[in-house]
Amino acid sequence: MKNGKTAAGTQRWLCPTCKASSVRKRVDVTRKHQLNTFLAWLLGKNSQTEAADTKHRSTFHRHTAWCWNITPKLPKVTIPPKYVMIDGTYIGSWCLLIATDEHHTPLAWQWCSTESQAAWEALLRKVPAPLVVICDGGSGVRAALQEQWPDTLVQRCIFHVWLNMRTHLTLNPRTPAGQALLEIGRRLRRVKNAEEALAWLQQLNDWHTVYGHLTCERSYARRRFKDGTWDSPTGKKWWYTHDRLRKAYNLLAELQR
């Protein structure tokens, strides 16, 4: 039978036999509230202290620690999407591979230690082959795509192409060839339609007409007479003189092949 309420406003119950007073606790309601609070913090912009509201930060952490053990489940993908975007992001010492469709809806994910061909294949097997896939073009993902989605068209992510170009050329190349190629890379990010794409390809071809010979130039090492080894930084007989320029150009040239 009812026996008033506690100071917090919770209904108190009295046993008519033993006269013991108690309060009913619904674990499901408590867990639901904790999960909603956890998701509001995880997907929002508030800190744990702000999400805890009137409670202490450590209390919030203790009450929601179990939420990290929930494994989200995605419905099985049975209809091939028009196009799929795949990418990997590192969280601590682990790497999370994610596949999303044209509506930015997650289709599948795969945890791994590094972005290897085996890890990418495990992700691709979870999704039917789409018409087009957008990726960063790394060696592991390329091999996985050839194995799992051989008929799918591959579009390299323009942002990743730009990042790789910056790695090879830096933002302040010293040679005219590097400066001109970097500007072509910048213009690639502004291409919006087929006409602009054709104009950009013409600019890349014009660059190759003027500076293309630099990408083929080689430097040869001298052989040491004492031990017969090659006097080169890599130990090889020859190497490309403008290796970084060559790599940056090949990044753009692969887009038109």
C-alpha atoms as a PDB file:
ATOM      1  CA  MET A   1       0.000   0.000   0.000  1.00  0.00           C
ATOM      2  CA  LYS A   2       1.084   3.594  -0.573  1.00  0.00           C
ATOM      3  CA  ASN A   3       2.944   5.256   2.240  1.00  0.00           C
ATOM      4  CA  GLY A   4       3.629   8.820   1.173  1.00  0.00           C
ATOM      5  CA  LYS A   5       6.647   9.964  -0.820  1.00  0.00           C
ATOM      6  CA  THR A   6      10.335  10.436  -0.232  1.00  0.00           C
ATOM      7  CA  ALA A   7      12.067  13.816  -0.117  1.00  0.00           C
ATOM      8  CA  ALA A   8      12.919  13.325  -3.810  1.00  0.00           C
ATOM      9  CA  GLY A   9       9.246  12.827  -4.660  1.00  0.00           C
ATOM     10  CA  THR A  10       9.409   9.052  -5.228  1.00  0.00           C
ATOM     11  CA  GLN A  11       6.417   6.972  -4.161  1.00  0.00           C
ATOM     12  CA  ARG A  12       6.993   5.045  -0.928  1.00  0.00           C
ATOM     13  CA  TRP A  13       5.261   1.677  -0.345  1.00  0.00           C
ATOM     14  CA  LEU A  14       4.343  -0.051   2.944  1.00  0.00           C
ATOM     15  CA  CYS A  15       4.042  -3.807   3.455  1.00  0.00           C
ATOM     16  CA  PRO A  16       0.818  -4.400   5.492  1.00  0.00           C
ATOM     17  CA  THR A  17       2.242  -7.615   6.956  1.00  0.00           C
ATOM     18  CA  CYS A  18       5.696  -6.670   8.205  1.00  0.00           C
ATOM     19  CA  LYS A  19       5.150  -2.899   8.089  1.00  0.00           C
ATOM     20  CA  ALA A  20       8.419  -2.464   6.144  1.00  0.00           C
ATOM     21  CA  SER A  21       8.637   0.623   3.953  1.00  0.00           C
ATOM     22  CA  SER A  22      10.411   0.515   0.575  1.00  0.00           C
ATOM     23  CA  VAL A  23      10.739   2.245  -2.765  1.00  0.00           C
ATOM     24  CA  ARG A  24      10.380   0.465  -6.083  1.00  0.00           C
ATOM     25  CA  LYS A  25      13.298   0.855  -8.426  1.00  0.00           C
ATOM     26  CA  ARG A  26      12.940   0.295 -12.157  1.00  0.00           C
ATOM     27  CA  VAL A  27      16.348  -0.484 -13.598  1.00  0.00           C
ATOM     28  CA  ASP A  28      15.038  -0.162 -17.166  1.00  0.00           C
ATOM     29  CA  VAL A  29      13.907   3.423 -16.617  1.00  0.00           C
ATOM     30  CA  THR A  30      17.216   4.302 -14.957  1.00  0.00           C
ATOM     31  CA  ARG A  31      19.216   2.752 -17.794  1.00  0.00           C
ATOM     32  CA  LYS A  32      17.102   4.507 -20.419  1.00  0.00           C
ATOM     33  CA  HIS A  33      17.755   7.865 -18.784  1.00  0.00           C
ATOM     34  CA  GLN A  34      21.488   7.132 -18.502  1.00  0.00           C
ATOM     35  CA  LEU A  35      21.668   6.095 -22.166  1.00  0.00           C
ATOM     36  CA  ASN A  36      19.819   9.216 -23.332  1.00  0.00           C
ATOM     37  CA  THR A  37      22.163  11.381 -21.256  1.00  0.00           C
ATOM     38  CA  PHE A  38      25.177   9.548 -22.685  1.00  0.00           C
ATOM     39  CA  LEU A  39      24.004   9.946 -26.295  1.00  0.00           C
ATOM     40  CA  ALA A  40      23.232  13.633 -25.760  1.00  0.00           C
ATOM     41  CA  TRP A  41      26.818  14.139 -24.573  1.00  0.00           C
ATOM     42  CA  LEU A  42      28.416  11.888 -27.208  1.00  0.00           C
ATOM     43  CA  LEU A  43      26.605  13.487 -30.155  1.00  0.00           C
ATOM     44  CA  GLY A  44      26.483  17.000 -28.732  1.00  0.00           C
ATOM     45  CA  LYS A  45      29.023  19.694 -27.982  1.00  0.00           C
ATOM     46  CA  ASN A  46      28.805  19.781 -24.180  1.00  0.00           C
ATOM     47  CA  SER A  47      31.600  18.537 -21.940  1.00  0.00           C
ATOM     48  CA  GLN A  48      31.053  15.756 -19.400  1.00  0.00           C
ATOM     49  CA  THR A  49      30.810  18.351 -16.653  1.00  0.00           C
ATOM     50  CA  GLU A  50      28.060  20.189 -18.534  1.00  0.00           C
ATOM     51  CA  ALA A  51      26.279  16.945 -19.423  1.00  0.00           C
ATOM     52  CA  ALA A  52      26.307  15.839 -15.782  1.00  0.00           C
ATOM     53  CA  ASP A  53      24.215  18.913 -14.936  1.00  0.00           C
ATOM     54  CA  THR A  54      23.742  18.861 -11.144  1.00  0.00           C
ATOM     55  CA  LYS A  55      25.901  15.756 -10.647  1.00  0.00           C
ATOM     56  CA  HIS A  56      29.663  15.533 -10.492  1.00  0.00           C
ATOM     57  CA  ARG A  57      31.670  14.650 -13.592  1.00  0.00           C
ATOM     58  CA  SER A  58      32.898  11.413 -12.011  1.00  0.00           C
ATOM     59  CA  THR A  59      29.292  10.431 -11.248  1.00  0.00           C
ATOM     60  CA  PHE A  60      28.332  10.946 -14.880  1.00  0.00           C
ATOM     61  CA  HIS A  61      31.323   8.864 -15.963  1.00  0.00           C
ATOM     62  CA  ARG A  62      30.408   6.047 -13.546  1.00  0.00           C
ATOM     63  CA  HIS A  63      26.702   5.990 -14.465  1.00  0.00           C
ATOM     64  CA  THR A  64      27.351   5.902 -18.225  1.00  0.00           C
ATOM     65  CA  ALA A  65      30.420   3.633 -18.323  1.00  0.00           C
ATOM     66  CA  TRP A  66      28.261   0.655 -19.352  1.00  0.00           C
ATOM     67  CA  CYS A  67      27.070   2.536 -22.465  1.00  0.00           C
ATOM     68  CA  TRP A  68      30.481   2.093 -24.098  1.00  0.00           C
ATOM     69  CA  ASN A  69      29.883  -1.678 -24.179  1.00  0.00           C
ATOM     70  CA  ILE A  70      26.828  -1.366 -26.436  1.00  0.00           C
ATOM     71  CA  THR A  71      27.609  -2.580 -29.947  1.00  0.00           C
ATOM     72  CA  PRO A  72      25.508  -0.712 -32.526  1.00  0.00           C
ATOM     73  CA  LYS A  73      23.867  -2.923 -35.139  1.00  0.00           C
ATOM     74  CA  LEU A  74      23.216  -1.906 -38.716  1.00  0.00           C
ATOM     75  CA  PRO A  75      20.638  -3.553 -40.983  1.00  0.00           C
ATOM     76  CA  LYS A  76      22.064  -5.820 -43.652  1.00  0.00           C
ATOM     77  CA  VAL A  77      22.546  -4.043 -46.981  1.00  0.00           C
ATOM     78  CA  THR A  78      20.779  -6.022 -49.724  1.00  0.00           C
ATOM     79  CA  ILE A  79      20.285  -3.378 -52.451  1.00  0.00           C
ATOM     80  CA  PRO A  80      23.479  -2.060 -54.093  1.00  0.00           C
ATOM     81  CA  PRO A  81      23.848   1.706 -53.478  1.00  0.00           C
ATOM     82  CA  LYS A  82      24.531   4.130 -56.319  1.00  0.00           C
ATOM     83  CA  TYR A  83      27.829   5.157 -54.799  1.00  0.00           C
ATOM     84  CA  VAL A  84      29.702   4.454 -51.591  1.00  0.00           C
ATOM     85  CA  MET A  85      32.263   6.541 -49.735  1.00  0.00           C
ATOM     86  CA  ILE A  86      34.861   4.607 -47.726  1.00  0.00           C
ATOM     87  CA  ASP A  87      37.465   6.001 -45.375  1.00  0.00           C
ATOM     88  CA  GLY A  88      39.401   5.156 -42.255  1.00  0.00           C
ATOM     89  CA  THR A  89      39.957   7.118 -39.068  1.00  0.00           C
ATOM     90  CA  TYR A  90      42.299   6.311 -36.192  1.00  0.00           C
ATOM     91  CA  ILE A  91      40.889   6.268 -32.668  1.00  0.00           C
ATOM     92  CA  GLY A  92      43.691   5.741 -30.218  1.00  0.00           C
ATOM     93  CA  SER A  93      45.677   2.706 -31.378  1.00  0.00           C
ATOM     94  CA  TRP A  94      42.772   1.309 -33.424  1.00  0.00           C
ATOM     95  CA  CYS A  95      41.569   2.160 -36.916  1.00  0.00           C
ATOM     96  CA  LEU A  96      37.888   2.324 -37.859  1.00  0.00           C
ATOM     97  CA  LEU A  97      36.961   1.767 -41.508  1.00  0.00           C
ATOM     98  CA  ILE A  98      33.551   3.174 -42.478  1.00  0.00           C
ATOM     99  CA  ALA A  99      31.358   2.868 -45.581  1.00  0.00           C
ATOM    100  CA  THR A 100      28.518   5.370 -46.186  1.00  0.00           C
ATOM    101  CA  ASP A 101      26.059   5.770 -49.050  1.00  0.00           C
ATOM    102  CA  GLU A 102      24.998   8.792 -51.111  1.00  0.00           C
ATOM    103  CA  HIS A 103      22.789   9.983 -48.235  1.00  0.00           C
ATOM    104  CA  HIS A 104      25.735   9.815 -45.776  1.00  0.00           C
ATOM    105  CA  THR A 105      24.037   6.879 -44.039  1.00  0.00           C
ATOM    106  CA  PRO A 106      26.486   4.379 -42.476  1.00  0.00           C
ATOM    107  CA  LEU A 107      26.334   1.021 -44.247  1.00  0.00           C
ATOM    108  CA  ALA A 108      29.083  -0.925 -42.497  1.00  0.00           C
ATOM    109  CA  TRP A 109      32.231  -0.549 -40.446  1.00  0.00           C
ATOM    110  CA  GLN A 110      35.284  -2.611 -39.612  1.00  0.00           C
ATOM    111  CA  TRP A 111      37.771  -2.302 -36.752  1.00  0.00           C
ATOM    112  CA  CYS A 112      41.411  -3.032 -37.546  1.00  0.00           C
ATOM    113  CA  SER A 113      44.931  -2.262 -36.375  1.00  0.00           C
ATOM    114  CA  THR A 114      45.923  -0.611 -39.659  1.00  0.00           C
ATOM    115  CA  GLU A 115      44.494   0.088 -43.129  1.00  0.00           C
ATOM    116  CA  SER A 116      45.506  -3.157 -44.828  1.00  0.00           C
ATOM    117  CA  GLN A 117      44.081  -4.994 -47.817  1.00  0.00           C
ATOM    118  CA  ALA A 118      42.604  -7.681 -45.561  1.00  0.00           C
ATOM    119  CA  ALA A 119      40.833  -5.081 -43.402  1.00  0.00           C
ATOM    120  CA  TRP A 120      39.396  -3.274 -46.427  1.00  0.00           C
ATOM    121  CA  GLU A 121      38.188  -6.551 -47.937  1.00  0.00           C
ATOM    122  CA  ALA A 122      36.412  -7.399 -44.678  1.00  0.00           C
ATOM    123  CA  LEU A 123      34.567  -4.069 -44.938  1.00  0.00           C
ATOM    124  CA  LEU A 124      33.713  -4.378 -48.643  1.00  0.00           C
ATOM    125  CA  ARG A 125      32.256  -7.867 -48.209  1.00  0.00           C
ATOM    126  CA  LYS A 126      29.509  -6.372 -46.039  1.00  0.00           C
ATOM    127  CA  VAL A 127      28.139  -4.155 -48.837  1.00  0.00           C
ATOM    128  CA  PRO A 128      26.977  -5.116 -52.362  1.00  0.00           C
ATOM    129  CA  ALA A 129      29.151  -3.633 -55.097  1.00  0.00           C
ATOM    130  CA  PRO A 130      27.949  -0.085 -55.985  1.00  0.00           C
ATOM    131  CA  LEU A 131      28.290   1.750 -59.283  1.00  0.00           C
ATOM    132  CA  VAL A 132      30.935   4.159 -57.953  1.00  0.00           C
ATOM    133  CA  VAL A 133      33.175   4.161 -54.892  1.00  0.00           C
ATOM    134  CA  ILE A 134      34.942   7.239 -53.504  1.00  0.00           C
ATOM    135  CA  CYS A 135      38.143   6.595 -51.560  1.00  0.00           C
ATOM    136  CA  ASP A 136      41.573   8.003 -50.754  1.00  0.00           C
ATOM    137  CA  GLY A 137      43.280   5.671 -53.237  1.00  0.00           C
ATOM    138  CA  GLY A 138      45.708   4.026 -50.829  1.00  0.00           C
ATOM    139  CA  SER A 139      47.511   0.843 -51.831  1.00  0.00           C
ATOM    140  CA  GLY A 140      45.529  -1.369 -49.458  1.00  0.00           C
ATOM    141  CA  VAL A 141      42.130  -0.140 -50.570  1.00  0.00           C
ATOM    142  CA  ARG A 142      43.053  -0.345 -54.253  1.00  0.00           C
ATOM    143  CA  ALA A 143      43.939  -4.020 -54.016  1.00  0.00           C
ATOM    144  CA  ALA A 144      40.803  -4.724 -51.976  1.00  0.00           C
ATOM    145  CA  LEU A 145      38.583  -2.987 -54.539  1.00  0.00           C
ATOM    146  CA  GLN A 146      40.093  -4.995 -57.383  1.00  0.00           C
ATOM    147  CA  GLU A 147      39.406  -8.183 -55.449  1.00  0.00           C
ATOM    148  CA  GLN A 148      35.905  -7.486 -54.078  1.00  0.00           C
ATOM    149  CA  TRP A 149      34.409  -4.832 -56.404  1.00  0.00           C
ATOM    150  CA  PRO A 150      36.242  -5.329 -59.728  1.00  0.00           C
ATOM    151  CA  ASP A 151      33.484  -3.733 -61.854  1.00  0.00           C
ATOM    152  CA  THR A 152      32.951  -0.668 -59.634  1.00  0.00           C
ATOM    153  CA  LEU A 153      34.195   2.695 -60.895  1.00  0.00           C
ATOM    154  CA  VAL A 154      36.725   4.322 -58.548  1.00  0.00           C
ATOM    155  CA  GLN A 155      36.757   8.064 -57.856  1.00  0.00           C
ATOM    156  CA  ARG A 156      39.621   9.359 -55.749  1.00  0.00           C
ATOM    157  CA  CYS A 157      38.713  11.812 -53.005  1.00  0.00           C
ATOM    158  CA  ILE A 158      39.838  15.263 -54.183  1.00  0.00           C
ATOM    159  CA  PHE A 159      40.643  16.347 -50.643  1.00  0.00           C
ATOM    160  CA  HIS A 160      43.028  13.414 -50.160  1.00  0.00           C
ATOM    161  CA  VAL A 161      44.661  14.162 -53.513  1.00  0.00           C
ATOM    162  CA  TRP A 162      45.274  17.729 -52.358  1.00  0.00           C
ATOM    163  CA  LEU A 163      46.725  16.582 -49.031  1.00  0.00           C
ATOM    164  CA  ASN A 164      49.100  14.192 -50.798  1.00  0.00           C
ATOM    165  CA  MET A 165      50.163  16.934 -53.211  1.00  0.00           C
ATOM    166  CA  ARG A 166      50.982  19.225 -50.304  1.00  0.00           C
ATOM    167  CA  THR A 167      53.108  16.452 -48.816  1.00  0.00           C
ATOM    168  CA  HIS A 168      55.200  16.145 -51.984  1.00  0.00           C
ATOM    169  CA  LEU A 169      55.395  19.804 -53.054  1.00  0.00           C
ATOM    170  CA  THR A 170      54.835  21.670 -49.760  1.00  0.00           C
ATOM    171  CA  LEU A 171      52.842  24.907 -49.904  1.00  0.00           C
ATOM    172  CA  ASN A 172      55.895  26.866 -51.057  1.00  0.00           C
ATOM    173  CA  PRO A 173      57.666  24.971 -53.853  1.00  0.00           C
ATOM    174  CA  ARG A 174      60.841  26.684 -55.042  1.00  0.00           C
ATOM    175  CA  THR A 175      60.857  25.653 -58.706  1.00  0.00           C
ATOM    176  CA  PRO A 176      58.539  27.097 -61.391  1.00  0.00           C
ATOM    177  CA  ALA A 177      57.412  23.557 -62.249  1.00  0.00           C
ATOM    178  CA  GLY A 178      56.394  22.870 -58.658  1.00  0.00           C
ATOM    179  CA  GLN A 179      54.644  26.221 -58.304  1.00  0.00           C
ATOM    180  CA  ALA A 180      52.655  25.709 -61.509  1.00  0.00           C
ATOM    181  CA  LEU A 181      51.677  22.155 -60.534  1.00  0.00           C
ATOM    182  CA  LEU A 182      50.567  23.262 -57.072  1.00  0.00           C
ATOM    183  CA  GLU A 183      48.309  25.895 -58.639  1.00  0.00           C
ATOM    184  CA  ILE A 184      46.744  23.236 -60.868  1.00  0.00           C
ATOM    185  CA  GLY A 185      46.088  21.191 -57.735  1.00  0.00           C
ATOM    186  CA  ARG A 186      44.361  24.162 -56.127  1.00  0.00           C
ATOM    187  CA  ARG A 187      42.159  24.641 -59.199  1.00  0.00           C
ATOM    188  CA  LEU A 188      41.083  21.000 -59.049  1.00  0.00           C
ATOM    189  CA  ARG A 189      39.231  21.719 -55.808  1.00  0.00           C
ATOM    190  CA  ARG A 190      37.146  24.364 -57.596  1.00  0.00           C
ATOM    191  CA  VAL A 191      35.963  22.148 -60.481  1.00  0.00           C
ATOM    192  CA  LYS A 192      32.151  21.900 -60.398  1.00  0.00           C
ATOM    193  CA  ASN A 193      31.013  20.595 -63.814  1.00  0.00           C
ATOM    194  CA  ALA A 194      32.129  18.732 -66.943  1.00  0.00           C
ATOM    195  CA  GLU A 195      33.250  21.870 -68.788  1.00  0.00           C
ATOM    196  CA  GLU A 196      35.472  22.960 -65.916  1.00  0.00           C
ATOM    197  CA  ALA A 197      36.837  19.412 -65.685  1.00  0.00           C
ATOM    198  CA  LEU A 198      37.842  19.463 -69.366  1.00  0.00           C
ATOM    199  CA  ALA A 199      39.501  22.860 -68.911  1.00  0.00           C
ATOM    200  CA  TRP A 200      41.400  21.535 -65.904  1.00  0.00           C
ATOM    201  CA  LEU A 201      42.608  18.486 -67.847  1.00  0.00           C
ATOM    202  CA  GLN A 202      43.870  20.793 -70.588  1.00  0.00           C
ATOM    203  CA  GLN A 203      45.842  22.778 -68.011  1.00  0.00           C
ATOM    204  CA  LEU A 204      47.395  19.559 -66.718  1.00  0.00           C
ATOM    205  CA  ASN A 205      48.327  18.494 -70.259  1.00  0.00           C
ATOM    206  CA  ASP A 206      49.834  21.929 -70.917  1.00  0.00           C
ATOM    207  CA  TRP A 207      51.936  21.593 -67.773  1.00  0.00           C
ATOM    208  CA  HIS A 208      53.204  18.201 -68.940  1.00  0.00           C
ATOM    209  CA  THR A 209      54.103  19.664 -72.340  1.00  0.00           C
ATOM    210  CA  VAL A 210      56.323  22.267 -70.674  1.00  0.00           C
ATOM    211  CA  TYR A 211      57.653  20.424 -67.626  1.00  0.00           C
ATOM    212  CA  GLY A 212      56.957  16.762 -68.347  1.00  0.00           C
ATOM    213  CA  HIS A 213      60.599  16.009 -69.139  1.00  0.00           C
ATOM    214  CA  LEU A 214      61.482  16.767 -65.511  1.00  0.00           C
ATOM    215  CA  THR A 215      59.399  13.820 -64.297  1.00  0.00           C
ATOM    216  CA  CYS A 216      61.558  11.432 -66.358  1.00  0.00           C
ATOM    217  CA  GLU A 217      65.009  12.781 -65.539  1.00  0.00           C
ATOM    218  CA  ARG A 218      67.288  10.384 -63.694  1.00  0.00           C
ATOM    219  CA  SER A 219      70.358  10.759 -61.517  1.00  0.00           C
ATOM    220  CA  TYR A 220      73.013   8.042 -61.629  1.00  0.00           C
ATOM    221  CA  ALA A 221      75.279   7.006 -58.809  1.00  0.00           C
ATOM    222  CA  ARG A 222      79.004   6.442 -59.011  1.00  0.00           C
ATOM    223  CA  ARG A 223      80.382   3.077 -58.117  1.00  0.00           C
ATOM    224  CA  ARG A 224      82.938   2.892 -55.341  1.00  0.00           C
ATOM    225  CA  PHE A 225      86.131   1.159 -56.442  1.00  0.00           C
ATOM    226  CA  LYS A 226      86.976  -0.240 -53.015  1.00  0.00           C
ATOM    227  CA  ASP A 227      83.865  -2.285 -52.260  1.00  0.00           C
ATOM    228  CA  GLY A 228      81.839  -2.013 -55.475  1.00  0.00           C
ATOM    229  CA  THR A 229      78.833  -0.366 -53.789  1.00  0.00           C
ATOM    230  CA  TRP A 230      76.936   2.543 -55.291  1.00  0.00           C
ATOM    231  CA  ASP A 231      77.495   6.049 -53.957  1.00  0.00           C
ATOM    232  CA  SER A 232      73.842   7.036 -53.593  1.00  0.00           C
ATOM    233  CA  PRO A 233      71.512   7.906 -50.702  1.00  0.00           C
ATOM    234  CA  THR A 234      69.344   4.865 -51.446  1.00  0.00           C
ATOM    235  CA  GLY A 235      72.011   2.386 -52.481  1.00  0.00           C
ATOM    236  CA  LYS A 236      70.527   2.127 -55.992  1.00  0.00           C
ATOM    237  CA  LYS A 237      72.249   2.704 -59.305  1.00  0.00           C
ATOM    238  CA  TRP A 238      69.848   5.484 -60.275  1.00  0.00           C
ATOM    239  CA  TRP A 239      66.796   7.411 -59.040  1.00  0.00           C
ATOM    240  CA  TYR A 240      64.418  10.039 -60.355  1.00  0.00           C
ATOM    241  CA  THR A 241      66.021  13.450 -59.992  1.00  0.00           C
ATOM    242  CA  HIS A 242      62.734  15.222 -59.280  1.00  0.00           C
ATOM    243  CA  ASP A 243      61.047  12.367 -57.443  1.00  0.00           C
ATOM    244  CA  ARG A 244      58.673  14.510 -55.388  1.00  0.00           C
ATOM    245  CA  LEU A 245      57.569  16.471 -58.446  1.00  0.00           C
ATOM    246  CA  ARG A 246      57.022  13.203 -60.311  1.00  0.00           C
ATOM    247  CA  LYS A 247      54.890  11.770 -57.494  1.00  0.00           C
ATOM    248  CA  ALA A 248      52.774  14.934 -57.291  1.00  0.00           C
ATOM    249  CA  TYR A 249      52.173  14.896 -61.054  1.00  0.00           C
ATOM    250  CA  ASN A 250      51.247  11.203 -61.038  1.00  0.00           C
ATOM    251  CA  LEU A 251      48.605  11.916 -58.384  1.00  0.00           C
ATOM    252  CA  LEU A 252      46.846  14.239 -60.826  1.00  0.00           C
ATOM    253  CA  ALA A 253      47.576  12.173 -63.925  1.00  0.00           C
ATOM    254  CA  GLU A 254      45.888   9.127 -62.389  1.00  0.00           C
ATOM    255  CA  LEU A 255      42.620  11.072 -62.182  1.00  0.00           C
ATOM    256  CA  GLN A 256      42.295  11.211 -65.966  1.00  0.00           C
ATOM    257  CA  ARG A 257      43.238   7.605 -66.706  1.00  0.00           C
END
